[in-house]
PDB file of N, CA and C in Angstrom:
ATOM      1  N   MET A   1      86.113  96.242 103.009  1.00  0.00           N
ATOM      2  CA  MET A   1      86.679  95.375 104.037  1.00  0.00           C
ATOM      3  C   MET A   1      88.261  95.520 104.040  1.00  0.00           C
ATOM      4  N   SER A   2      88.894  95.574 102.852  1.00  0.00           N
ATOM      5  CA  SER A   2      90.270  95.571 102.711  1.00  0.00           C
ATOM      6  C   SER A   2      90.800  97.066 103.175  1.00  0.00           C
ATOM      7  N   THR A   3      89.940  98.018 102.942  1.00  0.00           N
ATOM      8  CA  THR A   3      90.341  99.350 103.491  1.00  0.00           C
ATOM      9  C   THR A   3      90.466  99.414 104.976  1.00  0.00           C
ATOM     10  N   LYS A   4      89.556  98.672 105.739  1.00  0.00           N
ATOM     11  CA  LYS A   4      89.796  98.735 107.037  1.00  0.00           C
ATOM     12  C   LYS A   4      90.961  98.064 107.544  1.00  0.00           C
ATOM     13  N   ILE A   5      91.381  96.894 106.920  1.00  0.00           N
ATOM     14  CA  ILE A   5      92.540  96.213 107.209  1.00  0.00           C
ATOM     15  C   ILE A   5      93.700  97.045 107.002  1.00  0.00           C
ATOM     16  N   GLU A   6      93.806  97.827 105.895  1.00  0.00           N
ATOM     17  CA  GLU A   6      94.921  98.702 105.600  1.00  0.00           C
ATOM     18  C   GLU A   6      94.988  99.841 106.546  1.00  0.00           C
ATOM     19  N   ASN A   7      93.833 100.346 107.020  1.00  0.00           N
ATOM     20  CA  ASN A   7      93.877 101.347 108.120  1.00  0.00           C
ATOM     21  C   ASN A   7      94.374 100.823 109.439  1.00  0.00           C
ATOM     22  N   GLN A   8      94.049  99.573 109.641  1.00  0.00           N
ATOM     23  CA  GLN A   8      94.508  99.082 110.961  1.00  0.00           C
ATOM     24  C   GLN A   8      95.899  98.763 110.967  1.00  0.00           C
ATOM     25  N   GLU A   9      96.519  98.351 109.772  1.00  0.00           N
ATOM     26  CA  GLU A   9      97.859  98.225 109.626  1.00  0.00           C
ATOM     27  C   GLU A   9      98.716  99.405 109.678  1.00  0.00           C
ATOM     28  N   SER A  10      98.101 100.450 108.969  1.00  0.00           N
ATOM     29  CA  SER A  10      98.705 101.756 109.043  1.00  0.00           C
ATOM     30  C   SER A  10      98.775 102.450 110.316  1.00  0.00           C
ATOM     31  N   ARG A  11      97.857 102.042 111.218  1.00  0.00           N
ATOM     32  CA  ARG A  11      97.815 102.497 112.628  1.00  0.00           C
ATOM     33  C   ARG A  11      99.036 102.266 113.368  1.00  0.00           C
ATOM     34  N   PHE A  12      99.694 101.162 113.178  1.00  0.00           N
ATOM     35  CA  PHE A  12     100.903 100.863 113.743  1.00  0.00           C
ATOM     36  C   PHE A  12     102.188 101.162 113.012  1.00  0.00           C
ATOM     37  N   ASP A  13     101.969 101.676 111.762  1.00  0.00           N
ATOM     38  CA  ASP A  13     103.096 101.997 110.959  1.00  0.00           C
ATOM     39  C   ASP A  13     103.939 103.180 111.589  1.00  0.00           C
ATOM     40  N   GLY A  14     103.263 103.957 112.262  1.00  0.00           N
ATOM     41  CA  GLY A  14     103.949 105.117 112.821  1.00  0.00           C
ATOM     42  C   GLY A  14     104.989 104.735 113.926  1.00  0.00           C
ATOM     43  N   LEU A  15     104.537 103.591 114.698  1.00  0.00           N
ATOM     44  CA  LEU A  15     105.336 103.138 115.757  1.00  0.00           C
ATOM     45  C   LEU A  15     106.524 102.347 115.100  1.00  0.00           C
ATOM     46  N   LYS A  16     106.209 101.665 114.051  1.00  0.00           N
ATOM     47  CA  LYS A  16     107.285 100.828 113.338  1.00  0.00           C
ATOM     48  C   LYS A  16     108.331 101.871 112.775  1.00  0.00           C
ATOM     49  N   TRP A  17     107.850 103.003 112.157  1.00  0.00           N
ATOM     50  CA  TRP A  17     108.920 103.979 111.630  1.00  0.00           C
ATOM     51  C   TRP A  17     109.596 104.579 112.744  1.00  0.00           C
ATOM     52  N   LEU A  18     109.053 104.854 113.840  1.00  0.00           N
ATOM     53  CA  LEU A  18     109.631 105.405 115.081  1.00  0.00           C
ATOM     54  C   LEU A  18     110.707 104.345 115.470  1.00  0.00           C
ATOM     55  N   ALA A  19     110.418 103.012 115.472  1.00  0.00           N
ATOM     56  CA  ALA A  19     111.411 102.140 115.807  1.00  0.00           C
ATOM     57  C   ALA A  19     112.664 102.095 114.833  1.00  0.00           C
ATOM     58  N   VAL A  20     112.296 102.301 113.701  1.00  0.00           N
ATOM     59  CA  VAL A  20     113.425 102.416 112.625  1.00  0.00           C
ATOM     60  C   VAL A  20     114.233 103.544 112.934  1.00  0.00           C
ATOM     61  N   VAL A  21     113.660 104.738 113.082  1.00  0.00           N
ATOM     62  CA  VAL A  21     114.440 105.916 113.343  1.00  0.00           C
ATOM     63  C   VAL A  21     115.195 105.688 114.657  1.00  0.00           C
ATOM     64  N   VAL A  22     114.666 105.162 115.718  1.00  0.00           N
ATOM     65  CA  VAL A  22     115.359 104.890 116.883  1.00  0.00           C
ATOM     66  C   VAL A  22     116.668 103.993 116.752  1.00  0.00           C
ATOM     67  N   LEU A  23     116.396 102.840 115.949  1.00  0.00           N
ATOM     68  CA  LEU A  23     117.436 102.024 115.573  1.00  0.00           C
ATOM     69  C   LEU A  23     118.602 102.743 114.834  1.00  0.00           C
ATOM     70  N   VAL A  24     118.315 103.457 113.785  1.00  0.00           N
ATOM     71  CA  VAL A  24     119.288 104.225 113.020  1.00  0.00           C
ATOM     72  C   VAL A  24     120.027 105.217 114.028  1.00  0.00           C
ATOM     73  N   THR A  25     119.325 105.866 114.931  1.00  0.00           N
ATOM     74  CA  THR A  25     119.950 106.857 115.777  1.00  0.00           C
ATOM     75  C   THR A  25     120.759 106.192 116.794  1.00  0.00           C
ATOM     76  N   VAL A  26     120.482 104.996 117.204  1.00  0.00           N
ATOM     77  CA  VAL A  26     121.313 104.308 118.046  1.00  0.00           C
ATOM     78  C   VAL A  26     122.562 103.833 117.349  1.00  0.00           C
ATOM     79  N   GLY A  27     122.432 103.377 116.057  1.00  0.00           N
ATOM     80  CA  GLY A  27     123.633 103.078 115.274  1.00  0.00           C
ATOM     81  C   GLY A  27     124.504 104.206 115.140  1.00  0.00           C
ATOM     82  N   VAL A  28     124.076 105.370 114.789  1.00  0.00           N
ATOM     83  CA  VAL A  28     124.880 106.542 114.543  1.00  0.00           C
ATOM     84  C   VAL A  28     125.601 106.953 115.830  1.00  0.00           C
ATOM     85  N   VAL A  29     124.820 107.050 116.957  1.00  0.00           N
ATOM     86  CA  VAL A  29     125.354 107.563 118.181  1.00  0.00           C
ATOM     87  C   VAL A  29     126.272 106.460 118.749  1.00  0.00           C
ATOM     88  N   GLY A  30     125.936 105.179 118.696  1.00  0.00           N
ATOM     89  CA  GLY A  30     126.866 104.135 119.152  1.00  0.00           C
ATOM     90  C   GLY A  30     128.117 104.170 118.494  1.00  0.00           C
ATOM     91  N   ASN A  31     128.035 104.328 117.120  1.00  0.00           N
ATOM     92  CA  ASN A  31     129.303 104.238 116.318  1.00  0.00           C
ATOM     93  C   ASN A  31     130.120 105.505 116.825  1.00  0.00           C
ATOM     94  N   TYR A  32     129.586 106.570 116.943  1.00  0.00           N
ATOM     95  CA  TYR A  32     130.368 107.671 117.523  1.00  0.00           C
ATOM     96  C   TYR A  32     130.820 107.475 118.999  1.00  0.00           C
ATOM     97  N   ALA A  33     130.004 106.916 119.799  1.00  0.00           N
ATOM     98  CA  ALA A  33     130.378 106.801 121.209  1.00  0.00           C
ATOM     99  C   ALA A  33     131.467 105.751 121.363  1.00  0.00           C
ATOM    100  N   PHE A  34     131.355 104.649 120.560  1.00  0.00           N
ATOM    101  CA  PHE A  34     132.431 103.462 120.679  1.00  0.00           C
ATOM    102  C   PHE A  34     133.533 103.617 119.593  1.00  0.00           C
ATOM    103  N   ALA A  35     133.875 104.797 119.231  1.00  0.00           N
ATOM    104  CA  ALA A  35     135.001 105.017 118.317  1.00  0.00           C
ATOM    105  C   ALA A  35     136.271 104.395 118.647  1.00  0.00           C
ATOM    106  N   ALA A  36     136.574 104.252 119.947  1.00  0.00           N
ATOM    107  CA  ALA A  36     137.777 103.599 120.332  1.00  0.00           C
ATOM    108  C   ALA A  36     137.717 102.072 120.307  1.00  0.00           C
ATOM    109  N   GLU A  37     136.596 101.490 119.976  1.00  0.00           N
ATOM    110  CA  GLU A  37     136.382 100.017 119.846  1.00  0.00           C
ATOM    111  C   GLU A  37     136.942  99.641 118.492  1.00  0.00           C
ATOM    112  N   SER A  38     137.110  98.372 118.272  1.00  0.00           N
ATOM    113  CA  SER A  38     137.548  97.779 117.057  1.00  0.00           C
ATOM    114  C   SER A  38     136.456  98.056 115.893  1.00  0.00           C
ATOM    115  N   LEU A  39     137.124  98.344 114.676  1.00  0.00           N
ATOM    116  CA  LEU A  39     136.211  98.682 113.676  1.00  0.00           C
ATOM    117  C   LEU A  39     135.291  97.507 113.288  1.00  0.00           C
ATOM    118  N   LEU A  40     135.818  96.272 113.472  1.00  0.00           N
ATOM    119  CA  LEU A  40     135.045  95.192 113.038  1.00  0.00           C
ATOM    120  C   LEU A  40     133.755  95.005 113.932  1.00  0.00           C
ATOM    121  N   TYR A  41     133.901  95.207 115.235  1.00  0.00           N
ATOM    122  CA  TYR A  41     132.805  95.226 116.088  1.00  0.00           C
ATOM    123  C   TYR A  41     131.669  96.330 115.728  1.00  0.00           C
ATOM    124  N   ARG A  42     132.131  97.490 115.443  1.00  0.00           N
ATOM    125  CA  ARG A  42     131.214  98.532 115.115  1.00  0.00           C
ATOM    126  C   ARG A  42     130.646  98.319 113.848  1.00  0.00           C
ATOM    127  N   VAL A  43     131.255  97.777 112.794  1.00  0.00           N
ATOM    128  CA  VAL A  43     130.575  97.411 111.573  1.00  0.00           C
ATOM    129  C   VAL A  43     129.578  96.205 111.798  1.00  0.00           C
ATOM    130  N   LEU A  44     129.891  95.256 112.479  1.00  0.00           N
ATOM    131  CA  LEU A  44     128.987  94.205 112.751  1.00  0.00           C
ATOM    132  C   LEU A  44     127.642  94.757 113.415  1.00  0.00           C
ATOM    133  N   ALA A  45     127.913  95.561 114.312  1.00  0.00           N
ATOM    134  CA  ALA A  45     126.782  96.211 115.077  1.00  0.00           C
ATOM    135  C   ALA A  45     125.946  97.048 114.215  1.00  0.00           C
ATOM    136  N   LEU A  46     126.597  97.690 113.445  1.00  0.00           N
ATOM    137  CA  LEU A  46     125.763  98.610 112.307  1.00  0.00           C
ATOM    138  C   LEU A  46     125.096  97.696 111.315  1.00  0.00           C
ATOM    139  N   VAL A  47     125.622  96.507 111.010  1.00  0.00           N
ATOM    140  CA  VAL A  47     125.008  95.756 110.024  1.00  0.00           C
ATOM    141  C   VAL A  47     123.837  95.124 110.704  1.00  0.00           C
ATOM    142  N   VAL A  48     123.992  94.664 111.928  1.00  0.00           N
ATOM    143  CA  VAL A  48     122.797  94.007 112.596  1.00  0.00           C
ATOM    144  C   VAL A  48     121.658  95.009 112.813  1.00  0.00           C
ATOM    145  N   LEU A  49     122.064  96.302 113.282  1.00  0.00           N
ATOM    146  CA  LEU A  49     121.028  97.230 113.489  1.00  0.00           C
ATOM    147  C   LEU A  49     120.300  97.663 112.089  1.00  0.00           C
ATOM    148  N   SER A  50     121.085  97.726 111.026  1.00  0.00           N
ATOM    149  CA  SER A  50     120.487  98.234 109.754  1.00  0.00           C
ATOM    150  C   SER A  50     119.668  97.062 109.275  1.00  0.00           C
ATOM    151  N   GLY A  51     120.017  95.925 109.424  1.00  0.00           N
ATOM    152  CA  GLY A  51     119.294  94.664 109.020  1.00  0.00           C
ATOM    153  C   GLY A  51     117.877  94.627 109.905  1.00  0.00           C
ATOM    154  N   LEU A  52     117.892  94.877 111.120  1.00  0.00           N
ATOM    155  CA  LEU A  52     116.766  94.900 111.991  1.00  0.00           C
ATOM    156  C   LEU A  52     115.847  96.059 111.611  1.00  0.00           C
ATOM    157  N   ALA A  53     116.349  97.253 111.261  1.00  0.00           N
ATOM    158  CA  ALA A  53     115.624  98.426 110.939  1.00  0.00           C
ATOM    159  C   ALA A  53     115.026  98.147 109.601  1.00  0.00           C
ATOM    160  N   GLY A  54     115.741  97.580 108.569  1.00  0.00           N
ATOM    161  CA  GLY A  54     115.147  97.154 107.332  1.00  0.00           C
ATOM    162  C   GLY A  54     114.033  96.184 107.374  1.00  0.00           C
ATOM    163  N   TYR A  55     114.186  95.218 108.351  1.00  0.00           N
ATOM    164  CA  TYR A  55     113.106  94.250 108.508  1.00  0.00           C
ATOM    165  C   TYR A  55     111.896  94.884 109.099  1.00  0.00           C
ATOM    166  N   ILE A  56     112.070  95.795 109.964  1.00  0.00           N
ATOM    167  CA  ILE A  56     110.859  96.371 110.518  1.00  0.00           C
ATOM    168  C   ILE A  56     110.249  97.427 109.566  1.00  0.00           C
ATOM    169  N   ALA A  57     111.168  98.062 108.762  1.00  0.00           N
ATOM    170  CA  ALA A  57     110.583  98.969 107.748  1.00  0.00           C
ATOM    171  C   ALA A  57     109.721  98.159 106.691  1.00  0.00           C
ATOM    172  N   LEU A  58     110.124  96.954 106.388  1.00  0.00           N
ATOM    173  CA  LEU A  58     109.458  96.113 105.377  1.00  0.00           C
ATOM    174  C   LEU A  58     108.122  95.700 105.971  1.00  0.00           C
ATOM    175  N   GLN A  59     107.844  95.773 107.190  1.00  0.00           N
ATOM    176  CA  GLN A  59     106.679  95.297 107.791  1.00  0.00           C
ATOM    177  C   GLN A  59     105.585  96.386 107.608  1.00  0.00           C
ATOM    178  N   THR A  60     105.861  97.549 107.163  1.00  0.00           N
ATOM    179  CA  THR A  60     104.894  98.641 107.052  1.00  0.00           C
ATOM    180  C   THR A  60     104.221  98.516 105.676  1.00  0.00           C
ATOM    181  N   VAL A  61     103.186  99.336 105.494  1.00  0.00           N
ATOM    182  CA  VAL A  61     102.480  99.272 104.269  1.00  0.00           C
ATOM    183  C   VAL A  61     103.405  99.866 103.097  1.00  0.00           C
ATOM    184  N   LYS A  62     104.126 100.939 103.365  1.00  0.00           N
ATOM    185  CA  LYS A  62     105.089 101.493 102.347  1.00  0.00           C
ATOM    186  C   LYS A  62     106.215 100.382 102.100  1.00  0.00           C
ATOM    187  N   GLY A  63     106.633  99.712 103.084  1.00  0.00           N
ATOM    188  CA  GLY A  63     107.667  98.651 102.852  1.00  0.00           C
ATOM    189  C   GLY A  63     107.185  97.566 102.138  1.00  0.00           C
ATOM    190  N   ASP A  64     105.972  97.205 102.260  1.00  0.00           N
ATOM    191  CA  ASP A  64     105.352  96.106 101.466  1.00  0.00           C
ATOM    192  C   ASP A  64     105.303  96.548  99.957  1.00  0.00           C
ATOM    193  N   LYS A  65     104.815  97.779  99.818  1.00  0.00           N
ATOM    194  CA  LYS A  65     104.746  98.206  98.559  1.00  0.00           C
ATOM    195  C   LYS A  65     106.202  98.303  97.801  1.00  0.00           C
ATOM    196  N   PHE A  66     107.191  98.656  98.549  1.00  0.00           N
ATOM    197  CA  PHE A  66     108.553  98.640  98.057  1.00  0.00           C
ATOM    198  C   PHE A  66     109.036  97.292  97.732  1.00  0.00           C
ATOM    199  N   ALA A  67     108.684  96.426  98.592  1.00  0.00           N
ATOM    200  CA  ALA A  67     109.054  94.924  98.220  1.00  0.00           C
ATOM    201  C   ALA A  67     108.463  94.418  97.048  1.00  0.00           C
ATOM    202  N   SER A  68     107.175  94.765  96.874  1.00  0.00           N
ATOM    203  CA  SER A  68     106.426  94.288  95.669  1.00  0.00           C
ATOM    204  C   SER A  68     106.971  95.032  94.362  1.00  0.00           C
ATOM    205  N   LEU A  69     107.401  96.216  94.489  1.00  0.00           N
ATOM    206  CA  LEU A  69     107.978  96.864  93.451  1.00  0.00           C
ATOM    207  C   LEU A  69     109.355  96.334  93.001  1.00  0.00           C
ATOM    208  N   VAL A  70     110.129  95.954  94.047  1.00  0.00           N
ATOM    209  CA  VAL A  70     111.454  95.184  93.711  1.00  0.00           C
ATOM    210  C   VAL A  70     111.127  93.954  92.998  1.00  0.00           C
ATOM    211  N   LYS A  71     110.097  93.176  93.577  1.00  0.00           N
ATOM    212  CA  LYS A  71     109.882  91.897  92.878  1.00  0.00           C
ATOM    213  C   LYS A  71     109.461  91.989  91.350  1.00  0.00           C
ATOM    214  N   GLU A  72     108.591  93.059  91.190  1.00  0.00           N
ATOM    215  CA  GLU A  72     108.162  93.250  89.806  1.00  0.00           C
ATOM    216  C   GLU A  72     109.294  93.827  88.903  1.00  0.00           C
ATOM    217  N   ALA A  73     110.185  94.466  89.420  1.00  0.00           N
ATOM    218  CA  ALA A  73     111.302  94.998  88.673  1.00  0.00           C
ATOM    219  C   ALA A  73     112.197  93.961  88.265  1.00  0.00           C
ATOM    220  N   ARG A  74     112.413  92.953  89.146  1.00  0.00           N
ATOM    221  CA  ARG A  74     113.176  91.696  88.781  1.00  0.00           C
ATOM    222  C   ARG A  74     112.508  90.887  87.731  1.00  0.00           C
ATOM    223  N   ILE A  75     111.224  90.767  87.771  1.00  0.00           N
ATOM    224  CA  ILE A  75     110.504  90.051  86.681  1.00  0.00           C
ATOM    225  C   ILE A  75     110.676  90.741  85.448  1.00  0.00           C
ATOM    226  N   GLU A  76     110.569  92.066  85.422  1.00  0.00           N
ATOM    227  CA  GLU A  76     110.719  92.843  84.162  1.00  0.00           C
ATOM    228  C   GLU A  76     112.159  92.713  83.514  1.00  0.00           C
ATOM    229  N   ILE A  77     113.137  92.749  84.450  1.00  0.00           N
ATOM    230  CA  ILE A  77     114.618  92.457  83.956  1.00  0.00           C
ATOM    231  C   ILE A  77     114.650  91.245  83.292  1.00  0.00           C
ATOM    232  N   ARG A  78     114.056  90.222  83.810  1.00  0.00           N
ATOM    233  CA  ARG A  78     114.188  89.036  83.104  1.00  0.00           C
ATOM    234  C   ARG A  78     113.609  88.954  81.746  1.00  0.00           C
ATOM    235  N   LYS A  79     112.816  89.836  81.512  1.00  0.00           N
ATOM    236  CA  LYS A  79     112.014  90.000  80.076  1.00  0.00           C
ATOM    237  C   LYS A  79     112.987  90.777  79.130  1.00  0.00           C
ATOM    238  N   VAL A  80     113.856  91.438  79.578  1.00  0.00           N
ATOM    239  CA  VAL A  80     114.838  92.180  78.647  1.00  0.00           C
ATOM    240  C   VAL A  80     115.645  91.349  77.804  1.00  0.00           C
ATOM    241  N   VAL A  81     115.682  91.720  76.536  1.00  0.00           N
ATOM    242  CA  VAL A  81     116.508  90.993  75.596  1.00  0.00           C
ATOM    243  C   VAL A  81     117.926  91.712  75.502  1.00  0.00           C
ATOM    244  N   TRP A  82     118.852  91.037  75.944  1.00  0.00           N
ATOM    245  CA  TRP A  82     120.177  91.728  76.153  1.00  0.00           C
ATOM    246  C   TRP A  82     120.988  91.507  74.899  1.00  0.00           C
ATOM    247  N   PRO A  83     121.811  92.566  74.407  1.00  0.00           N
ATOM    248  CA  PRO A  83     122.480  92.353  73.166  1.00  0.00           C
ATOM    249  C   PRO A  83     123.598  91.319  73.340  1.00  0.00           C
ATOM    250  N   THR A  84     123.924  90.804  72.196  1.00  0.00           N
ATOM    251  CA  THR A  84     125.062  89.807  72.154  1.00  0.00           C
ATOM    252  C   THR A  84     126.425  90.541  72.277  1.00  0.00           C
ATOM    253  N   ARG A  85     127.606  89.894  72.460  1.00  0.00           N
ATOM    254  CA  ARG A  85     128.745  90.617  72.626  1.00  0.00           C
ATOM    255  C   ARG A  85     129.101  91.360  71.216  1.00  0.00           C
ATOM    256  N   GLN A  86     128.832  90.562  70.116  1.00  0.00           N
ATOM    257  CA  GLN A  86     129.199  91.241  68.818  1.00  0.00           C
ATOM    258  C   GLN A  86     128.412  92.518  68.655  1.00  0.00           C
ATOM    259  N   GLU A  87     127.162  92.637  68.998  1.00  0.00           N
ATOM    260  CA  GLU A  87     126.103  93.748  68.836  1.00  0.00           C
ATOM    261  C   GLU A  87     126.785  94.903  69.836  1.00  0.00           C
ATOM    262  N   LEU A  88     127.130  94.512  70.941  1.00  0.00           N
ATOM    263  CA  LEU A  88     127.701  95.487  71.959  1.00  0.00           C
ATOM    264  C   LEU A  88     128.962  96.149  71.372  1.00  0.00           C
ATOM    265  N   VAL A  89     129.894  95.303  70.862  1.00  0.00           N
ATOM    266  CA  VAL A  89     131.072  95.829  70.265  1.00  0.00           C
ATOM    267  C   VAL A  89     130.883  96.714  69.181  1.00  0.00           C
ATOM    268  N   GLN A  90     130.089  96.268  68.150  1.00  0.00           N
ATOM    269  CA  GLN A  90     129.586  97.178  67.086  1.00  0.00           C
ATOM    270  C   GLN A  90     129.184  98.457  67.364  1.00  0.00           C
ATOM    271  N   THR A  91     128.133  98.385  68.396  1.00  0.00           N
ATOM    272  CA  THR A  91     127.441  99.742  68.792  1.00  0.00           C
ATOM    273  C   THR A  91     128.433 100.607  69.490  1.00  0.00           C
ATOM    274  N   THR A  92     129.293 100.071  70.348  1.00  0.00           N
ATOM    275  CA  THR A  92     130.290 100.967  71.013  1.00  0.00           C
ATOM    276  C   THR A  92     131.230 101.520  69.970  1.00  0.00           C
ATOM    277  N   MET A  93     131.710 100.801  69.061  1.00  0.00           N
ATOM    278  CA  MET A  93     132.551 101.326  68.044  1.00  0.00           C
ATOM    279  C   MET A  93     131.952 102.425  67.176  1.00  0.00           C
ATOM    280  N   ILE A  94     130.630 102.193  66.848  1.00  0.00           N
ATOM    281  CA  ILE A  94     129.836 103.328  66.228  1.00  0.00           C
ATOM    282  C   ILE A  94     129.877 104.588  67.051  1.00  0.00           C
ATOM    283  N   VAL A  95     129.598 104.507  68.314  1.00  0.00           N
ATOM    284  CA  VAL A  95     129.546 105.650  69.174  1.00  0.00           C
ATOM    285  C   VAL A  95     130.861 106.296  69.334  1.00  0.00           C
ATOM    286  N   VAL A  96     131.948 105.506  69.362  1.00  0.00           N
ATOM    287  CA  VAL A  96     133.320 106.031  69.612  1.00  0.00           C
ATOM    288  C   VAL A  96     133.601 106.756  68.231  1.00  0.00           C
ATOM    289  N   VAL A  97     133.385 106.310  67.091  1.00  0.00           N
ATOM    290  CA  VAL A  97     133.688 106.859  65.748  1.00  0.00           C
ATOM    291  C   VAL A  97     132.987 108.239  65.699  1.00  0.00           C
ATOM    292  N   PHE A  98     131.628 108.224  65.965  1.00  0.00           N
ATOM    293  CA  PHE A  98     130.735 109.336  65.946  1.00  0.00           C
ATOM    294  C   PHE A  98     131.192 110.479  66.755  1.00  0.00           C
ATOM    295  N   VAL A  99     131.681 110.201  67.975  1.00  0.00           N
ATOM    296  CA  VAL A  99     132.119 111.189  69.057  1.00  0.00           C
ATOM    297  C   VAL A  99     133.520 111.637  68.457  1.00  0.00           C
ATOM    298  N   LEU A 100     134.386 110.978  67.849  1.00  0.00           N
ATOM    299  CA  LEU A 100     135.519 111.518  67.204  1.00  0.00           C
ATOM    300  C   LEU A 100     135.305 112.364  66.096  1.00  0.00           C
ATOM    301  N   VAL A 101     134.437 112.075  65.140  1.00  0.00           N
ATOM    302  CA  VAL A 101     133.970 112.880  64.124  1.00  0.00           C
ATOM    303  C   VAL A 101     133.504 114.185  64.576  1.00  0.00           C
ATOM    304  N   VAL A 102     132.563 114.138  65.475  1.00  0.00           N
ATOM    305  CA  VAL A 102     131.925 115.459  66.028  1.00  0.00           C
ATOM    306  C   VAL A 102     133.056 116.223  66.747  1.00  0.00           C
ATOM    307  N   ALA A 103     134.038 115.615  67.537  1.00  0.00           N
ATOM    308  CA  ALA A 103     135.047 116.258  68.118  1.00  0.00           C
ATOM    309  C   ALA A 103     135.872 116.959  67.103  1.00  0.00           C
ATOM    310  N   LEU A 104     136.224 116.385  65.902  1.00  0.00           N
ATOM    311  CA  LEU A 104     137.099 116.887  64.836  1.00  0.00           C
ATOM    312  C   LEU A 104     136.310 118.157  64.290  1.00  0.00           C
ATOM    313  N   VAL A 105     135.025 117.972  63.948  1.00  0.00           N
ATOM    314  CA  VAL A 105     134.210 119.058  63.324  1.00  0.00           C
ATOM    315  C   VAL A 105     134.243 120.234  64.354  1.00  0.00           C
ATOM    316  N   LEU A 106     134.041 120.009  65.663  1.00  0.00           N
ATOM    317  CA  LEU A 106     134.104 121.308  66.566  1.00  0.00           C
ATOM    318  C   LEU A 106     135.342 121.870  66.606  1.00  0.00           C
ATOM    319  N   TRP A 107     136.511 121.031  66.660  1.00  0.00           N
ATOM    320  CA  TRP A 107     137.899 121.609  66.588  1.00  0.00           C
ATOM    321  C   TRP A 107     138.051 122.366  65.405  1.00  0.00           C
ATOM    322  N   GLY A 108     137.612 121.931  64.309  1.00  0.00           N
ATOM    323  CA  GLY A 108     137.701 122.633  63.080  1.00  0.00           C
ATOM    324  C   GLY A 108     137.022 123.976  63.104  1.00  0.00           C
ATOM    325  N   ILE A 109     135.739 123.962  63.549  1.00  0.00           N
ATOM    326  CA  ILE A 109     134.932 125.275  63.628  1.00  0.00           C
ATOM    327  C   ILE A 109     135.640 126.218  64.639  1.00  0.00           C
ATOM    328  N   ASP A 110     136.117 125.713  65.766  1.00  0.00           N
ATOM    329  CA  ASP A 110     136.732 126.542  66.803  1.00  0.00           C
ATOM    330  C   ASP A 110     138.062 127.131  66.029  1.00  0.00           C
ATOM    331  N   SER A 111     138.796 126.423  65.441  1.00  0.00           N
ATOM    332  CA  SER A 111     139.986 126.930  64.842  1.00  0.00           C
ATOM    333  C   SER A 111     139.681 128.033  63.702  1.00  0.00           C
ATOM    334  N   LEU A 112     138.697 127.689  62.966  1.00  0.00           N
ATOM    335  CA  LEU A 112     138.331 128.643  61.958  1.00  0.00           C
ATOM    336  C   LEU A 112     137.809 129.990  62.607  1.00  0.00           C
ATOM    337  N   VAL A 113     136.980 129.916  63.555  1.00  0.00           N
ATOM    338  CA  VAL A 113     136.427 131.069  64.344  1.00  0.00           C
ATOM    339  C   VAL A 113     137.513 131.836  64.927  1.00  0.00           C
ATOM    340  N   SER A 114     138.505 131.067  65.654  1.00  0.00           N
ATOM    341  CA  SER A 114     139.635 131.696  66.302  1.00  0.00           C
ATOM    342  C   SER A 114     140.602 132.235  65.322  1.00  0.00           C
ATOM    343  N   TRP A 115     140.889 131.681  64.165  1.00  0.00           N
ATOM    344  CA  TRP A 115     141.774 132.329  63.143  1.00  0.00           C
ATOM    345  C   TRP A 115     141.056 133.569  62.557  1.00  0.00           C
ATOM    346  N   SER A 116     139.785 133.520  62.339  1.00  0.00           N
ATOM    347  CA  SER A 116     139.071 134.675  61.652  1.00  0.00           C
ATOM    348  C   SER A 116     139.048 135.843  62.811  1.00  0.00           C
ATOM    349  N   ILE A 117     138.830 135.676  63.995  1.00  0.00           N
ATOM    350  CA  ILE A 117     138.809 136.710  64.980  1.00  0.00           C
ATOM    351  C   ILE A 117     140.063 137.278  65.195  1.00  0.00           C
ATOM    352  N   SER A 118     141.108 136.495  65.226  1.00  0.00           N
ATOM    353  CA  SER A 118     142.564 137.008  65.399  1.00  0.00           C
ATOM    354  C   SER A 118     142.965 137.800  64.202  1.00  0.00           C
ATOM    355  N   GLY A 119     142.413 137.408  62.962  1.00  0.00           N
ATOM    356  CA  GLY A 119     142.799 138.311  61.811  1.00  0.00           C
ATOM    357  C   GLY A 119     141.953 139.678  61.771  1.00  0.00           C
ATOM    358  N   ILE A 120     140.762 139.665  62.368  1.00  0.00           N
ATOM    359  CA  ILE A 120     140.020 140.917  62.521  1.00  0.00           C
ATOM    360  C   ILE A 120     140.606 141.781  63.551  1.00  0.00           C
ATOM    361  N   ILE A 121     140.989 141.277  64.637  1.00  0.00           N
ATOM    362  CA  ILE A 121     141.444 142.044  65.735  1.00  0.00           C
ATOM    363  C   ILE A 121     143.001 142.469  65.597  1.00  0.00           C
ATOM    364  N   GLY A 122     143.672 141.537  64.987  1.00  0.00           N
ATOM    365  CA  GLY A 122     144.966 141.895  64.556  1.00  0.00           C
ATOM    366  C   GLY A 122     145.946 141.315  65.349  1.00  0.00           C
TER     367      GLY A 122
END
């Protein structure tokens, strides 16, 4: 039963995506055509058109799946245990010291190889 409902909804999805494409095209062409108008009016028109296109896109099956993915991601972000400021500073310092040590080792190896090659070549 649910498969039939999804098929009926997806039957109109093509028209909805066509409407989204038309709105985006109208926004791009309108922005180019009204280049002499105030930037504020063009930006407001683009915001309205993009909001309308986004609303229509969210009404499709793929849009609904995207919205549920965003909701689930927000729930998962709440479950993350974020480090304290002290842990963050300590970890950052460890990384900085390690990068400096590796840079010095690579500089030393490069200098040694360069010195030995210049000694061989003359």
